[in-house]
Amino acid sequence: PAGTKSFALIVHDPDAPTGVGGFTHWM
């Protein structure tokens, strides 16, 4: 989008049986 100054990336597994809403593999 116009005005983008940086990005952030999250890779998340919502199906991981963690009890806390999944597992973040990379940010």
mmCIF file of all heavy atoms, coordinates in Angstrom:
data_MODEL
# 
_entry.id   MODEL 
# 
loop_
_atom_site.group_PDB 
_atom_site.id 
_atom_site.type_symbol 
_atom_site.label_atom_id 
_atom_site.label_alt_id 
_atom_site.label_comp_id 
_atom_site.label_asym_id 
_atom_site.label_entity_id 
_atom_site.label_seq_id 
_atom_site.pdbx_PDB_ins_code 
_atom_site.Cartn_x 
_atom_site.Cartn_y 
_atom_site.Cartn_z 
_atom_site.occupancy 
_atom_site.B_iso_or_equiv 
_atom_site.pdbx_formal_charge 
_atom_site.auth_seq_id 
_atom_site.auth_comp_id 
_atom_site.auth_asym_id 
_atom_site.auth_atom_id 
_atom_site.pdbx_PDB_model_num 
ATOM 1   N N   . PRO A 1 1  ? 0.827  -1.213  0.000  1.00 0.00 ? 1  PRO A N   1 
ATOM 2   C CA  . PRO A 1 1  ? 0.000  0.000   0.000  1.00 0.00 ? 1  PRO A CA  1 
ATOM 3   C C   . PRO A 1 1  ? 0.863  1.266   0.000  1.00 0.00 ? 1  PRO A C   1 
ATOM 4   O O   . PRO A 1 1  ? 1.975  1.276   0.534  1.00 0.00 ? 1  PRO A O   1 
ATOM 5   C CB  . PRO A 1 1  ? -0.787 -0.097  1.313  1.00 0.00 ? 1  PRO A CB  1 
ATOM 6   C CG  . PRO A 1 1  ? -0.664 -1.500  1.772  1.00 0.00 ? 1  PRO A CG  1 
ATOM 7   C CD  . PRO A 1 1  ? 0.607  -2.029  1.188  1.00 0.00 ? 1  PRO A CD  1 
ATOM 8   N N   . ALA A 1 2  ? 0.344  2.329   -0.562 1.00 0.00 ? 2  ALA A N   1 
ATOM 9   C CA  . ALA A 1 2  ? 1.027  3.625   -0.518 1.00 0.00 ? 2  ALA A CA  1 
ATOM 10  C C   . ALA A 1 2  ? 1.266  4.000   0.938  1.00 0.00 ? 2  ALA A C   1 
ATOM 11  O O   . ALA A 1 2  ? 0.421  3.750   1.798  1.00 0.00 ? 2  ALA A O   1 
ATOM 12  C CB  . ALA A 1 2  ? 0.172  4.691   -1.207 1.00 0.00 ? 2  ALA A CB  1 
ATOM 13  N N   . GLY A 1 3  ? 2.411  4.549   1.221  1.00 0.00 ? 3  GLY A N   1 
ATOM 14  C CA  . GLY A 1 3  ? 2.734  4.968   2.582  1.00 0.00 ? 3  GLY A CA  1 
ATOM 15  C C   . GLY A 1 3  ? 3.411  3.886   3.410  1.00 0.00 ? 3  GLY A C   1 
ATOM 16  O O   . GLY A 1 3  ? 3.745  4.126   4.574  1.00 0.00 ? 3  GLY A O   1 
ATOM 17  N N   . THR A 1 4  ? 3.632  2.703   2.842  1.00 0.00 ? 4  THR A N   1 
ATOM 18  C CA  . THR A 1 4  ? 4.323  1.649   3.587  1.00 0.00 ? 4  THR A CA  1 
ATOM 19  C C   . THR A 1 4  ? 5.751  2.086   3.867  1.00 0.00 ? 4  THR A C   1 
ATOM 20  O O   . THR A 1 4  ? 6.477  2.489   2.958  1.00 0.00 ? 4  THR A O   1 
ATOM 21  C CB  . THR A 1 4  ? 4.327  0.324   2.794  1.00 0.00 ? 4  THR A CB  1 
ATOM 22  O OG1 . THR A 1 4  ? 2.978  -0.103  2.594  1.00 0.00 ? 4  THR A OG1 1 
ATOM 23  C CG2 . THR A 1 4  ? 5.109  -0.759  3.523  1.00 0.00 ? 4  THR A CG2 1 
ATOM 24  N N   . LYS A 1 5  ? 6.151  2.018   5.146  1.00 0.00 ? 5  LYS A N   1 
ATOM 25  C CA  . LYS A 1 5  ? 7.503  2.406   5.539  1.00 0.00 ? 5  LYS A CA  1 
ATOM 26  C C   . LYS A 1 5  ? 8.340  1.214   5.997  1.00 0.00 ? 5  LYS A C   1 
ATOM 27  O O   . LYS A 1 5  ? 9.561  1.309   6.068  1.00 0.00 ? 5  LYS A O   1 
ATOM 28  C CB  . LYS A 1 5  ? 7.444  3.457   6.639  1.00 0.00 ? 5  LYS A CB  1 
ATOM 29  C CG  . LYS A 1 5  ? 6.840  4.771   6.153  1.00 0.00 ? 5  LYS A CG  1 
ATOM 30  C CD  . LYS A 1 5  ? 6.874  5.807   7.241  1.00 0.00 ? 5  LYS A CD  1 
ATOM 31  C CE  . LYS A 1 5  ? 6.309  7.120   6.727  1.00 0.00 ? 5  LYS A CE  1 
ATOM 32  N NZ  . LYS A 1 5  ? 6.279  8.138   7.791  1.00 0.00 ? 5  LYS A NZ  1 
ATOM 33  N N   . SER A 1 6  ? 7.685  0.113   6.344  1.00 0.00 ? 6  SER A N   1 
ATOM 34  C CA  . SER A 1 6  ? 8.382  -1.128  6.697  1.00 0.00 ? 6  SER A CA  1 
ATOM 35  C C   . SER A 1 6  ? 7.353  -2.251  6.710  1.00 0.00 ? 6  SER A C   1 
ATOM 36  O O   . SER A 1 6  ? 6.155  -2.014  6.559  1.00 0.00 ? 6  SER A O   1 
ATOM 37  C CB  . SER A 1 6  ? 9.087  -1.013  8.061  1.00 0.00 ? 6  SER A CB  1 
ATOM 38  O OG  . SER A 1 6  ? 8.143  -0.959  9.113  1.00 0.00 ? 6  SER A OG  1 
ATOM 39  N N   . PHE A 1 7  ? 7.864  -3.465  6.888  1.00 0.00 ? 7  PHE A N   1 
ATOM 40  C CA  . PHE A 1 7  ? 6.999  -4.644  6.967  1.00 0.00 ? 7  PHE A CA  1 
ATOM 41  C C   . PHE A 1 7  ? 7.337  -5.448  8.212  1.00 0.00 ? 7  PHE A C   1 
ATOM 42  O O   . PHE A 1 7  ? 8.429  -5.342  8.765  1.00 0.00 ? 7  PHE A O   1 
ATOM 43  C CB  . PHE A 1 7  ? 7.227  -5.568  5.761  1.00 0.00 ? 7  PHE A CB  1 
ATOM 44  C CG  . PHE A 1 7  ? 6.859  -4.994  4.434  1.00 0.00 ? 7  PHE A CG  1 
ATOM 45  C CD1 . PHE A 1 7  ? 7.828  -4.451  3.608  1.00 0.00 ? 7  PHE A CD1 1 
ATOM 46  C CD2 . PHE A 1 7  ? 5.549  -5.011  3.989  1.00 0.00 ? 7  PHE A CD2 1 
ATOM 47  C CE1 . PHE A 1 7  ? 7.504  -3.933  2.368  1.00 0.00 ? 7  PHE A CE1 1 
ATOM 48  C CE2 . PHE A 1 7  ? 5.208  -4.495  2.751  1.00 0.00 ? 7  PHE A CE2 1 
ATOM 49  C CZ  . PHE A 1 7  ? 6.185  -3.957  1.932  1.00 0.00 ? 7  PHE A CZ  1 
ATOM 50  N N   . ALA A 1 8  ? 6.389  -6.279  8.620  1.00 0.00 ? 8  ALA A N   1 
ATOM 51  C CA  . ALA A 1 8  ? 6.612  -7.285  9.656  1.00 0.00 ? 8  ALA A CA  1 
ATOM 52  C C   . ALA A 1 8  ? 5.972  -8.580  9.160  1.00 0.00 ? 8  ALA A C   1 
ATOM 53  O O   . ALA A 1 8  ? 4.931  -8.548  8.500  1.00 0.00 ? 8  ALA A O   1 
ATOM 54  C CB  . ALA A 1 8  ? 5.995  -6.861  10.982 1.00 0.00 ? 8  ALA A CB  1 
ATOM 55  N N   . LEU A 1 9  ? 6.591  -9.693  9.462  1.00 0.00 ? 9  LEU A N   1 
ATOM 56  C CA  . LEU A 1 9  ? 6.115  -11.008 9.038  1.00 0.00 ? 9  LEU A CA  1 
ATOM 57  C C   . LEU A 1 9  ? 5.960  -11.908 10.255 1.00 0.00 ? 9  LEU A C   1 
ATOM 58  O O   . LEU A 1 9  ? 6.852  -11.953 11.112 1.00 0.00 ? 9  LEU A O   1 
ATOM 59  C CB  . LEU A 1 9  ? 7.124  -11.647 8.077  1.00 0.00 ? 9  LEU A CB  1 
ATOM 60  C CG  . LEU A 1 9  ? 6.860  -13.105 7.701  1.00 0.00 ? 9  LEU A CG  1 
ATOM 61  C CD1 . LEU A 1 9  ? 5.697  -13.200 6.721  1.00 0.00 ? 9  LEU A CD1 1 
ATOM 62  C CD2 . LEU A 1 9  ? 8.118  -13.747 7.127  1.00 0.00 ? 9  LEU A CD2 1 
ATOM 63  N N   . ILE A 1 10 ? 4.838  -12.606 10.320 1.00 0.00 ? 10 ILE A N   1 
ATOM 64  C CA  . ILE A 1 10 ? 4.629  -13.615 11.357 1.00 0.00 ? 10 ILE A CA  1 
ATOM 65  C C   . ILE A 1 10 ? 4.247  -14.917 10.667 1.00 0.00 ? 10 ILE A C   1 
ATOM 66  O O   . ILE A 1 10 ? 3.386  -14.933 9.785  1.00 0.00 ? 10 ILE A O   1 
ATOM 67  C CB  . ILE A 1 10 ? 3.525  -13.210 12.347 1.00 0.00 ? 10 ILE A CB  1 
ATOM 68  C CG1 . ILE A 1 10 ? 3.907  -11.937 13.092 1.00 0.00 ? 10 ILE A CG1 1 
ATOM 69  C CG2 . ILE A 1 10 ? 3.251  -14.347 13.341 1.00 0.00 ? 10 ILE A CG2 1 
ATOM 70  C CD1 . ILE A 1 10 ? 2.834  -11.409 14.030 1.00 0.00 ? 10 ILE A CD1 1 
ATOM 71  N N   . VAL A 1 11 ? 4.896  -16.018 11.064 1.00 0.00 ? 11 VAL A N   1 
ATOM 72  C CA  . VAL A 1 11 ? 4.536  -17.359 10.591 1.00 0.00 ? 11 VAL A CA  1 
ATOM 73  C C   . VAL A 1 11 ? 4.032  -18.109 11.813 1.00 0.00 ? 11 VAL A C   1 
ATOM 74  O O   . VAL A 1 11 ? 4.775  -18.333 12.775 1.00 0.00 ? 11 VAL A O   1 
ATOM 75  C CB  . VAL A 1 11 ? 5.726  -18.086 9.948  1.00 0.00 ? 11 VAL A CB  1 
ATOM 76  C CG1 . VAL A 1 11 ? 5.309  -19.478 9.485  1.00 0.00 ? 11 VAL A CG1 1 
ATOM 77  C CG2 . VAL A 1 11 ? 6.285  -17.269 8.793  1.00 0.00 ? 11 VAL A CG2 1 
ATOM 78  N N   . HIS A 1 12 ? 2.759  -18.463 11.769 1.00 0.00 ? 12 HIS A N   1 
ATOM 79  C CA  . HIS A 1 12 ? 2.076  -19.011 12.935 1.00 0.00 ? 12 HIS A CA  1 
ATOM 80  C C   . HIS A 1 12 ? 1.351  -20.310 12.577 1.00 0.00 ? 12 HIS A C   1 
ATOM 81  O O   . HIS A 1 12 ? 0.786  -20.429 11.498 1.00 0.00 ? 12 HIS A O   1 
ATOM 82  C CB  . HIS A 1 12 ? 1.058  -17.978 13.456 1.00 0.00 ? 12 HIS A CB  1 
ATOM 83  C CG  . HIS A 1 12 ? 0.413  -18.355 14.729 1.00 0.00 ? 12 HIS A CG  1 
ATOM 84  N ND1 . HIS A 1 12 ? 1.050  -18.300 15.939 1.00 0.00 ? 12 HIS A ND1 1 
ATOM 85  C CD2 . HIS A 1 12 ? -0.836 -18.818 14.979 1.00 0.00 ? 12 HIS A CD2 1 
ATOM 86  C CE1 . HIS A 1 12 ? 0.220  -18.699 16.888 1.00 0.00 ? 12 HIS A CE1 1 
ATOM 87  N NE2 . HIS A 1 12 ? -0.922 -19.020 16.324 1.00 0.00 ? 12 HIS A NE2 1 
ATOM 88  N N   . ASP A 1 13 ? 1.380  -21.266 13.484 1.00 0.00 ? 13 ASP A N   1 
ATOM 89  C CA  . ASP A 1 13 ? 0.652  -22.532 13.356 1.00 0.00 ? 13 ASP A CA  1 
ATOM 90  C C   . ASP A 1 13 ? -0.505 -22.501 14.350 1.00 0.00 ? 13 ASP A C   1 
ATOM 91  O O   . ASP A 1 13 ? -0.301 -22.726 15.538 1.00 0.00 ? 13 ASP A O   1 
ATOM 92  C CB  . ASP A 1 13 ? 1.585  -23.702 13.648 1.00 0.00 ? 13 ASP A CB  1 
ATOM 93  C CG  . ASP A 1 13 ? 0.881  -25.054 13.711 1.00 0.00 ? 13 ASP A CG  1 
ATOM 94  O OD1 . ASP A 1 13 ? -0.357 -25.120 13.497 1.00 0.00 ? 13 ASP A OD1 1 
ATOM 95  O OD2 . ASP A 1 13 ? 1.573  -26.051 13.985 1.00 0.00 ? 13 ASP A OD2 1 
ATOM 96  N N   . PRO A 1 14 ? -1.719 -22.186 13.881 1.00 0.00 ? 14 PRO A N   1 
ATOM 97  C CA  . PRO A 1 14 ? -2.849 -22.120 14.809 1.00 0.00 ? 14 PRO A CA  1 
ATOM 98  C C   . PRO A 1 14 ? -3.320 -23.489 15.290 1.00 0.00 ? 14 PRO A C   1 
ATOM 99  O O   . PRO A 1 14 ? -4.110 -23.568 16.223 1.00 0.00 ? 14 PRO A O   1 
ATOM 100 C CB  . PRO A 1 14 ? -3.938 -21.432 13.979 1.00 0.00 ? 14 PRO A CB  1 
ATOM 101 C CG  . PRO A 1 14 ? -3.618 -21.805 12.572 1.00 0.00 ? 14 PRO A CG  1 
ATOM 102 C CD  . PRO A 1 14 ? -2.118 -21.863 12.507 1.00 0.00 ? 14 PRO A CD  1 
ATOM 103 N N   . ASP A 1 15 ? -2.813 -24.557 14.663 1.00 0.00 ? 15 ASP A N   1 
ATOM 104 C CA  . ASP A 1 15 ? -3.252 -25.910 15.008 1.00 0.00 ? 15 ASP A CA  1 
ATOM 105 C C   . ASP A 1 15 ? -2.358 -26.605 16.029 1.00 0.00 ? 15 ASP A C   1 
ATOM 106 O O   . ASP A 1 15 ? -2.648 -27.724 16.440 1.00 0.00 ? 15 ASP A O   1 
ATOM 107 C CB  . ASP A 1 15 ? -3.323 -26.761 13.733 1.00 0.00 ? 15 ASP A CB  1 
ATOM 108 C CG  . ASP A 1 15 ? -4.255 -26.147 12.705 1.00 0.00 ? 15 ASP A CG  1 
ATOM 109 O OD1 . ASP A 1 15 ? -5.403 -25.825 13.064 1.00 0.00 ? 15 ASP A OD1 1 
ATOM 110 O OD2 . ASP A 1 15 ? -3.824 -25.960 11.551 1.00 0.00 ? 15 ASP A OD2 1 
ATOM 111 N N   . ALA A 1 16 ? -1.266 -25.977 16.423 1.00 0.00 ? 16 ALA A N   1 
ATOM 112 C CA  . ALA A 1 16 ? -0.352 -26.592 17.387 1.00 0.00 ? 16 ALA A CA  1 
ATOM 113 C C   . ALA A 1 16 ? -1.062 -26.776 18.727 1.00 0.00 ? 16 ALA A C   1 
ATOM 114 O O   . ALA A 1 16 ? -1.719 -25.852 19.219 1.00 0.00 ? 16 ALA A O   1 
ATOM 115 C CB  . ALA A 1 16 ? 0.881  -25.722 17.557 1.00 0.00 ? 16 ALA A CB  1 
ATOM 116 N N   . PRO A 1 17 ? -0.931 -27.947 19.308 1.00 0.00 ? 17 PRO A N   1 
ATOM 117 C CA  . PRO A 1 17 ? -1.622 -28.234 20.574 1.00 0.00 ? 17 PRO A CA  1 
ATOM 118 C C   . PRO A 1 17 ? -0.868 -27.677 21.780 1.00 0.00 ? 17 PRO A C   1 
ATOM 119 O O   . PRO A 1 17 ? -0.344 -28.404 22.608 1.00 0.00 ? 17 PRO A O   1 
ATOM 120 C CB  . PRO A 1 17 ? -1.668 -29.762 20.592 1.00 0.00 ? 17 PRO A CB  1 
ATOM 121 C CG  . PRO A 1 17 ? -0.432 -30.174 19.852 1.00 0.00 ? 17 PRO A CG  1 
ATOM 122 C CD  . PRO A 1 17 ? -0.235 -29.131 18.788 1.00 0.00 ? 17 PRO A CD  1 
ATOM 123 N N   . THR A 1 18 ? -0.805 -26.346 21.865 1.00 0.00 ? 18 THR A N   1 
ATOM 124 C CA  . THR A 1 18 ? -0.027 -25.709 22.930 1.00 0.00 ? 18 THR A CA  1 
ATOM 125 C C   . THR A 1 18 ? -0.862 -25.276 24.133 1.00 0.00 ? 18 THR A C   1 
ATOM 126 O O   . THR A 1 18 ? -0.312 -25.016 25.189 1.00 0.00 ? 18 THR A O   1 
ATOM 127 C CB  . THR A 1 18 ? 0.683  -24.457 22.388 1.00 0.00 ? 18 THR A CB  1 
ATOM 128 O OG1 . THR A 1 18 ? -0.319 -23.537 21.947 1.00 0.00 ? 18 THR A OG1 1 
ATOM 129 C CG2 . THR A 1 18 ? 1.624  -24.799 21.249 1.00 0.00 ? 18 THR A CG2 1 
ATOM 130 N N   . GLY A 1 19 ? -2.156 -25.115 23.923 1.00 0.00 ? 19 GLY A N   1 
ATOM 131 C CA  . GLY A 1 19 ? -3.003 -24.602 24.995 1.00 0.00 ? 19 GLY A CA  1 
ATOM 132 C C   . GLY A 1 19 ? -2.992 -23.091 25.092 1.00 0.00 ? 19 GLY A C   1 
ATOM 133 O O   . GLY A 1 19 ? -3.679 -22.518 25.929 1.00 0.00 ? 19 GLY A O   1 
ATOM 134 N N   . VAL A 1 20 ? -2.199 -22.428 24.247 1.00 0.00 ? 20 VAL A N   1 
ATOM 135 C CA  . VAL A 1 20 ? -2.122 -20.963 24.278 1.00 0.00 ? 20 VAL A CA  1 
ATOM 136 C C   . VAL A 1 20 ? -2.354 -20.343 22.903 1.00 0.00 ? 20 VAL A C   1 
ATOM 137 O O   . VAL A 1 20 ? -1.837 -19.274 22.606 1.00 0.00 ? 20 VAL A O   1 
ATOM 138 C CB  . VAL A 1 20 ? -0.774 -20.470 24.862 1.00 0.00 ? 20 VAL A CB  1 
ATOM 139 C CG1 . VAL A 1 20 ? -0.653 -20.827 26.328 1.00 0.00 ? 20 VAL A CG1 1 
ATOM 140 C CG2 . VAL A 1 20 ? 0.397  -21.009 24.058 1.00 0.00 ? 20 VAL A CG2 1 
ATOM 141 N N   . GLY A 1 21 ? -3.112 -21.004 22.061 1.00 0.00 ? 21 GLY A N   1 
ATOM 142 C CA  . GLY A 1 21 ? -3.476 -20.409 20.779 1.00 0.00 ? 21 GLY A CA  1 
ATOM 143 C C   . GLY A 1 21 ? -2.503 -20.647 19.649 1.00 0.00 ? 21 GLY A C   1 
ATOM 144 O O   . GLY A 1 21 ? -2.408 -19.831 18.743 1.00 0.00 ? 21 GLY A O   1 
ATOM 145 N N   . GLY A 1 22 ? -1.779 -21.726 19.688 1.00 0.00 ? 22 GLY A N   1 
ATOM 146 C CA  . GLY A 1 22 ? -0.902 -22.053 18.579 1.00 0.00 ? 22 GLY A CA  1 
ATOM 147 C C   . GLY A 1 22 ? 0.561  -21.820 18.880 1.00 0.00 ? 22 GLY A C   1 
ATOM 148 O O   . GLY A 1 22 ? 0.966  -21.693 20.034 1.00 0.00 ? 22 GLY A O   1 
ATOM 149 N N   . PHE A 1 23 ? 1.351  -21.760 17.803 1.00 0.00 ? 23 PHE A N   1 
ATOM 150 C CA  . PHE A 1 23 ? 2.807  -21.728 17.911 1.00 0.00 ? 23 PHE A CA  1 
ATOM 151 C C   . PHE A 1 23 ? 3.348  -20.784 16.847 1.00 0.00 ? 23 PHE A C   1 
ATOM 152 O O   . PHE A 1 23 ? 3.008  -20.907 15.671 1.00 0.00 ? 23 PHE A O   1 
ATOM 153 C CB  . PHE A 1 23 ? 3.335  -23.149 17.670 1.00 0.00 ? 23 PHE A CB  1 
ATOM 154 C CG  . PHE A 1 23 ? 4.755  -23.387 18.078 1.00 0.00 ? 23 PHE A CG  1 
ATOM 155 C CD1 . PHE A 1 23 ? 5.048  -23.839 19.352 1.00 0.00 ? 23 PHE A CD1 1 
ATOM 156 C CD2 . PHE A 1 23 ? 5.790  -23.193 17.186 1.00 0.00 ? 23 PHE A CD2 1 
ATOM 157 C CE1 . PHE A 1 23 ? 6.364  -24.088 19.736 1.00 0.00 ? 23 PHE A CE1 1 
ATOM 158 C CE2 . PHE A 1 23 ? 7.098  -23.432 17.552 1.00 0.00 ? 23 PHE A CE2 1 
ATOM 159 C CZ  . PHE A 1 23 ? 7.392  -23.886 18.828 1.00 0.00 ? 23 PHE A CZ  1 
ATOM 160 N N   . THR A 1 24 ? 4.189  -19.833 17.247 1.00 0.00 ? 24 THR A N   1 
ATOM 161 C CA  . THR A 1 24 ? 4.789  -18.904 16.305 1.00 0.00 ? 24 THR A CA  1 
ATOM 162 C C   . THR A 1 24 ? 6.155  -19.435 15.896 1.00 0.00 ? 24 THR A C   1 
ATOM 163 O O   . THR A 1 24 ? 7.058  -19.566 16.723 1.00 0.00 ? 24 THR A O   1 
ATOM 164 C CB  . THR A 1 24 ? 4.909  -17.496 16.906 1.00 0.00 ? 24 THR A CB  1 
ATOM 165 O OG1 . THR A 1 24 ? 3.595  -17.036 17.223 1.00 0.00 ? 24 THR A OG1 1 
ATOM 166 C CG2 . THR A 1 24 ? 5.546  -16.533 15.921 1.00 0.00 ? 24 THR A CG2 1 
ATOM 167 N N   . HIS A 1 25 ? 6.299  -19.744 14.602 1.00 0.00 ? 25 HIS A N   1 
ATOM 168 C CA  . HIS A 1 25 ? 7.535  -20.315 14.070 1.00 0.00 ? 25 HIS A CA  1 
ATOM 169 C C   . HIS A 1 25 ? 8.561  -19.263 13.696 1.00 0.00 ? 25 HIS A C   1 
ATOM 170 O O   . HIS A 1 25 ? 9.759  -19.541 13.679 1.00 0.00 ? 25 HIS A O   1 
ATOM 171 C CB  . HIS A 1 25 ? 7.226  -21.183 12.845 1.00 0.00 ? 25 HIS A CB  1 
ATOM 172 C CG  . HIS A 1 25 ? 6.582  -22.472 13.216 1.00 0.00 ? 25 HIS A CG  1 
ATOM 173 N ND1 . HIS A 1 25 ? 7.301  -23.619 13.408 1.00 0.00 ? 25 HIS A ND1 1 
ATOM 174 C CD2 . HIS A 1 25 ? 5.291  -22.788 13.455 1.00 0.00 ? 25 HIS A CD2 1 
ATOM 175 C CE1 . HIS A 1 25 ? 6.481  -24.597 13.744 1.00 0.00 ? 25 HIS A CE1 1 
ATOM 176 N NE2 . HIS A 1 25 ? 5.252  -24.114 13.790 1.00 0.00 ? 25 HIS A NE2 1 
ATOM 177 N N   . TRP A 1 26 ? 8.069  -18.049 13.381 1.00 0.00 ? 26 TRP A N   1 
ATOM 178 C CA  . TRP A 1 26 ? 9.011  -17.023 12.934 1.00 0.00 ? 26 TRP A CA  1 
ATOM 179 C C   . TRP A 1 26 ? 8.329  -15.677 12.997 1.00 0.00 ? 26 TRP A C   1 
ATOM 180 O O   . TRP A 1 26 ? 7.152  -15.549 12.651 1.00 0.00 ? 26 TRP A O   1 
ATOM 181 C CB  . TRP A 1 26 ? 9.404  -17.308 11.499 1.00 0.00 ? 26 TRP A CB  1 
ATOM 182 C CG  . TRP A 1 26 ? 10.671 -16.732 10.971 1.00 0.00 ? 26 TRP A CG  1 
ATOM 183 C CD1 . TRP A 1 26 ? 11.781 -16.334 11.668 1.00 0.00 ? 26 TRP A CD1 1 
ATOM 184 C CD2 . TRP A 1 26 ? 10.977 -16.538 9.596  1.00 0.00 ? 26 TRP A CD2 1 
ATOM 185 N NE1 . TRP A 1 26 ? 12.752 -15.905 10.804 1.00 0.00 ? 26 TRP A NE1 1 
ATOM 186 C CE2 . TRP A 1 26 ? 12.282 -16.029 9.508  1.00 0.00 ? 26 TRP A CE2 1 
ATOM 187 C CE3 . TRP A 1 26 ? 10.270 -16.739 8.417  1.00 0.00 ? 26 TRP A CE3 1 
ATOM 188 C CZ2 . TRP A 1 26 ? 12.897 -15.718 8.311  1.00 0.00 ? 26 TRP A CZ2 1 
ATOM 189 C CZ3 . TRP A 1 26 ? 10.878 -16.444 7.216  1.00 0.00 ? 26 TRP A CZ3 1 
ATOM 190 C CH2 . TRP A 1 26 ? 12.182 -15.943 7.166  1.00 0.00 ? 26 TRP A CH2 1 
ATOM 191 N N   . MET A 1 27 ? 9.067  -14.670 13.430 1.00 0.00 ? 27 MET A N   1 
ATOM 192 C CA  . MET A 1 27 ? 8.576  -13.297 13.379 1.00 0.00 ? 27 MET A CA  1 
ATOM 193 C C   . MET A 1 27 ? 9.755  -12.412 13.026 1.00 0.00 ? 27 MET A C   1 
ATOM 194 O O   . MET A 1 27 ? 10.794 -12.456 13.680 1.00 0.00 ? 27 MET A O   1 
ATOM 195 C CB  . MET A 1 27 ? 7.963  -12.857 14.694 1.00 0.00 ? 27 MET A CB  1 
ATOM 196 C CG  . MET A 1 27 ? 7.410  -11.459 14.606 1.00 0.00 ? 27 MET A CG  1 
ATOM 197 S SD  . MET A 1 27 ? 6.371  -11.064 16.004 1.00 0.00 ? 27 MET A SD  1 
ATOM 198 C CE  . MET A 1 27 ? 5.915  -9.421  15.543 1.00 0.00 ? 27 MET A CE  1 
# 
